[in-house]
Each structure stands twice: as C-alpha cells, then as structure tokens.
Amino acid sequence: MGGVTLADESKEVEDGKMIAIVSYLTWIGLVIAFVMNNEKKNDFAKFHIRQSLLLVIIGFVGWVVFWIPIIGWLLGLGVFIIWIMALISALNGQKKEMPIFGKWAQDWFKGI
C-alpha cells in the first residue's frame, strides 16, 4: 500500500520524456530542460538532466584534449557514442546510466 505503481511510473516517464530529450540537445537544451523541470520536479527528467550535465562538463573539459591527434579523436568519439546511448535511453523512456560516468552524474548532482 502506498507504493509507486507501474501506471504512476509510466506517467512520470511520459511527462518527463520531452524534457529528458531536450536536455541532450547541446548545453542550451540542458539549460532549457533544467528550467522546464524546475517547476515540475519530474524524477525521470532529473535523471537525464544529471546525465546530460556531466556529459556537457566532460565535453567542455575534454575540448582541450580533443585537439591532440588520435588520442583526442578517440576520446571525442567515445564521448559522442556515450551521448548517443544516453539520448536513445531518454527516447526509449529508460533510466540507463551512461557507461563509465553515469553513476558519478547521479551521485555528484543529486541536488538537481
């Protein structure tokens, strides 16, 4: 009694899906998603906003490294692949943590 039902969880995913997707569309999308979810406080959207925030930070920090031939290109490709995986997770209505960094995003940004 009093637990979260499958219908409640499904509604939460549907309500937060658009915000989650927007969060992965550049850093501007992340800011827009954060503002959109500030009022709703949707847990599904918050999960993906945290994931996206860490990806943006890694992208900004890694931008310097990406200029190094081969090593930087491989790192850039890895970040791009992780971004695609995270976006697909949001599109499919899933809360899948990103490989390698996902747990950190949820721990470091749990206040969001």
C-alpha atoms as a PDB file:
ATOM      1  CA  MET A   1       0.000   0.000   0.000  1.00  0.00           C
ATOM      2  CA  GLY A   2       1.236   3.495  -0.824  1.00  0.00           C
ATOM      3  CA  GLY A   3       3.949   2.320  -3.256  1.00  0.00           C
ATOM      4  CA  VAL A   4       4.584   3.623  -6.734  1.00  0.00           C
ATOM      5  CA  THR A   5       2.518   1.716  -9.259  1.00  0.00           C
ATOM      6  CA  LEU A   6       3.549   0.845 -12.789  1.00  0.00           C
ATOM      7  CA  ALA A   7       0.948   3.304 -14.092  1.00  0.00           C
ATOM      8  CA  ASP A   8       2.420   6.103 -11.932  1.00  0.00           C
ATOM      9  CA  GLU A   9       5.907   5.319 -13.167  1.00  0.00           C
ATOM     10  CA  SER A  10       4.733   5.196 -16.788  1.00  0.00           C
ATOM     11  CA  LYS A  11       3.001   8.574 -16.435  1.00  0.00           C
ATOM     12  CA  GLU A  12       6.135  10.064 -14.881  1.00  0.00           C
ATOM     13  CA  VAL A  13       8.229   8.826 -17.820  1.00  0.00           C
ATOM     14  CA  GLU A  14       5.761  10.195 -20.367  1.00  0.00           C
ATOM     15  CA  ASP A  15       5.543  13.544 -18.570  1.00  0.00           C
ATOM     16  CA  GLY A  16       9.329  13.891 -18.350  1.00  0.00           C
ATOM     17  CA  LYS A  17      10.362  12.351 -21.662  1.00  0.00           C
ATOM     18  CA  MET A  18      10.396  15.565 -23.703  1.00  0.00           C
ATOM     19  CA  ILE A  19      12.405  17.379 -21.036  1.00  0.00           C
ATOM     20  CA  ALA A  20      14.859  14.472 -20.887  1.00  0.00           C
ATOM     21  CA  ILE A  21      15.347  14.525 -24.657  1.00  0.00           C
ATOM     22  CA  VAL A  22      15.788  18.305 -24.755  1.00  0.00           C
ATOM     23  CA  SER A  23      18.486  18.046 -22.073  1.00  0.00           C
ATOM     24  CA  TYR A  24      20.757  16.214 -24.530  1.00  0.00           C
ATOM     25  CA  LEU A  25      20.435  18.820 -27.290  1.00  0.00           C
ATOM     26  CA  THR A  26      23.543  20.937 -26.612  1.00  0.00           C
ATOM     27  CA  TRP A  27      24.220  22.900 -23.436  1.00  0.00           C
ATOM     28  CA  ILE A  28      21.421  25.296 -24.381  1.00  0.00           C
ATOM     29  CA  GLY A  29      18.996  22.376 -24.378  1.00  0.00           C
ATOM     30  CA  LEU A  30      20.318  21.392 -20.965  1.00  0.00           C
ATOM     31  CA  VAL A  31      19.576  24.873 -19.598  1.00  0.00           C
ATOM     32  CA  ILE A  32      16.097  24.836 -21.169  1.00  0.00           C
ATOM     33  CA  ALA A  33      15.386  21.361 -19.733  1.00  0.00           C
ATOM     34  CA  PHE A  34      16.570  22.459 -16.292  1.00  0.00           C
ATOM     35  CA  VAL A  35      14.245  25.487 -16.371  1.00  0.00           C
ATOM     36  CA  MET A  36      11.332  23.409 -17.721  1.00  0.00           C
ATOM     37  CA  ASN A  37      11.758  20.816 -14.974  1.00  0.00           C
ATOM     38  CA  ASN A  38      12.362  23.324 -12.189  1.00  0.00           C
ATOM     39  CA  GLU A  39       8.623  23.642 -11.685  1.00  0.00           C
ATOM     40  CA  LYS A  40       7.599  20.034 -12.467  1.00  0.00           C
ATOM     41  CA  LYS A  41      10.317  18.224 -10.470  1.00  0.00           C
ATOM     42  CA  ASN A  42       9.924  15.115 -12.648  1.00  0.00           C
ATOM     43  CA  ASP A  43      12.316  12.353 -11.472  1.00  0.00           C
ATOM     44  CA  PHE A  44      12.757  10.858 -14.956  1.00  0.00           C
ATOM     45  CA  ALA A  45      13.723  14.258 -16.365  1.00  0.00           C
ATOM     46  CA  LYS A  46      16.038  14.931 -13.390  1.00  0.00           C
ATOM     47  CA  PHE A  47      17.860  11.655 -14.027  1.00  0.00           C
ATOM     48  CA  HIS A  48      18.597  12.624 -17.631  1.00  0.00           C
ATOM     49  CA  ILE A  49      19.405  16.252 -16.784  1.00  0.00           C
ATOM     50  CA  ARG A  50      22.107  14.980 -14.400  1.00  0.00           C
ATOM     51  CA  GLN A  51      23.477  12.646 -17.066  1.00  0.00           C
ATOM     52  CA  SER A  52      23.498  15.434 -19.640  1.00  0.00           C
ATOM     53  CA  LEU A  53      25.135  17.894 -17.247  1.00  0.00           C
ATOM     54  CA  LEU A  54      28.089  15.572 -16.721  1.00  0.00           C
ATOM     55  CA  LEU A  55      28.376  14.983 -20.477  1.00  0.00           C
ATOM     56  CA  VAL A  56      28.489  18.736 -21.079  1.00  0.00           C
ATOM     57  CA  ILE A  57      31.164  19.177 -18.408  1.00  0.00           C
ATOM     58  CA  ILE A  58      33.223  16.320 -19.852  1.00  0.00           C
ATOM     59  CA  GLY A  59      32.776  17.853 -23.299  1.00  0.00           C
ATOM     60  CA  PHE A  60      33.991  21.288 -22.190  1.00  0.00           C
ATOM     61  CA  VAL A  61      36.945  19.909 -20.251  1.00  0.00           C
ATOM     62  CA  GLY A  62      37.751  17.417 -22.961  1.00  0.00           C
ATOM     63  CA  TRP A  63      37.647  20.032 -25.691  1.00  0.00           C
ATOM     64  CA  VAL A  64      41.305  20.793 -24.980  1.00  0.00           C
ATOM     65  CA  VAL A  65      42.267  17.126 -25.165  1.00  0.00           C
ATOM     66  CA  PHE A  66      40.273  16.611 -28.365  1.00  0.00           C
ATOM     67  CA  TRP A  67      42.858  18.688 -30.259  1.00  0.00           C
ATOM     68  CA  ILE A  68      45.531  16.045 -29.644  1.00  0.00           C
ATOM     69  CA  PRO A  69      45.694  13.811 -32.723  1.00  0.00           C
ATOM     70  CA  ILE A  70      44.459  10.242 -32.335  1.00  0.00           C
ATOM     71  CA  ILE A  71      44.095  10.251 -28.504  1.00  0.00           C
ATOM     72  CA  GLY A  72      41.844  13.293 -28.563  1.00  0.00           C
ATOM     73  CA  TRP A  73      39.881  11.990 -31.526  1.00  0.00           C
ATOM     74  CA  LEU A  74      39.282   8.645 -29.820  1.00  0.00           C
ATOM     75  CA  LEU A  75      38.144  10.395 -26.637  1.00  0.00           C
ATOM     76  CA  GLY A  76      35.853  12.637 -28.685  1.00  0.00           C
ATOM     77  CA  LEU A  77      34.394   9.621 -30.444  1.00  0.00           C
ATOM     78  CA  GLY A  78      33.870   7.895 -27.083  1.00  0.00           C
ATOM     79  CA  VAL A  79      32.007  10.906 -25.654  1.00  0.00           C
ATOM     80  CA  PHE A  80      29.907  11.103 -28.824  1.00  0.00           C
ATOM     81  CA  ILE A  81      28.968   7.405 -28.564  1.00  0.00           C
ATOM     82  CA  ILE A  82      28.046   7.795 -24.882  1.00  0.00           C
ATOM     83  CA  TRP A  83      25.928  10.850 -25.793  1.00  0.00           C
ATOM     84  CA  ILE A  84      24.076   8.802 -28.445  1.00  0.00           C
ATOM     85  CA  MET A  85      23.470   5.980 -25.937  1.00  0.00           C
ATOM     86  CA  ALA A  86      22.130   8.421 -23.334  1.00  0.00           C
ATOM     87  CA  LEU A  87      19.852  10.113 -25.874  1.00  0.00           C
ATOM     88  CA  ILE A  88      18.483   6.736 -27.002  1.00  0.00           C
ATOM     89  CA  SER A  89      17.829   5.853 -23.367  1.00  0.00           C
ATOM     90  CA  ALA A  90      15.757   9.039 -22.975  1.00  0.00           C
ATOM     91  CA  LEU A  91      13.923   8.406 -26.251  1.00  0.00           C
ATOM     92  CA  ASN A  92      13.032   4.888 -25.093  1.00  0.00           C
ATOM     93  CA  GLY A  93      11.833   6.097 -21.696  1.00  0.00           C
ATOM     94  CA  GLN A  94      14.586   4.281 -19.831  1.00  0.00           C
ATOM     95  CA  LYS A  95      16.760   5.322 -16.900  1.00  0.00           C
ATOM     96  CA  LYS A  96      20.020   3.772 -18.082  1.00  0.00           C
ATOM     97  CA  GLU A  97      23.160   5.245 -16.604  1.00  0.00           C
ATOM     98  CA  MET A  98      25.847   6.167 -19.094  1.00  0.00           C
ATOM     99  CA  PRO A  99      28.781   3.767 -19.245  1.00  0.00           C
ATOM    100  CA  ILE A 100      31.705   4.815 -17.038  1.00  0.00           C
ATOM    101  CA  PHE A 101      30.303   8.220 -15.955  1.00  0.00           C
ATOM    102  CA  GLY A 102      26.635   7.540 -15.214  1.00  0.00           C
ATOM    103  CA  LYS A 103      26.978   6.688 -11.532  1.00  0.00           C
ATOM    104  CA  TRP A 104      29.061   9.811 -10.961  1.00  0.00           C
ATOM    105  CA  ALA A 105      26.406  12.002 -12.557  1.00  0.00           C
ATOM    106  CA  GLN A 106      23.720  10.661 -10.235  1.00  0.00           C
ATOM    107  CA  ASP A 107      25.939  10.991  -7.143  1.00  0.00           C
ATOM    108  CA  TRP A 108      27.516  14.381  -7.837  1.00  0.00           C
ATOM    109  CA  PHE A 109      24.367  16.145  -9.000  1.00  0.00           C
ATOM    110  CA  LYS A 110      21.720  14.554  -6.780  1.00  0.00           C
ATOM    111  CA  GLY A 111      20.674  18.021  -5.591  1.00  0.00           C
ATOM    112  CA  ILE A 112      19.350  18.818  -9.069  1.00  0.00           C
END
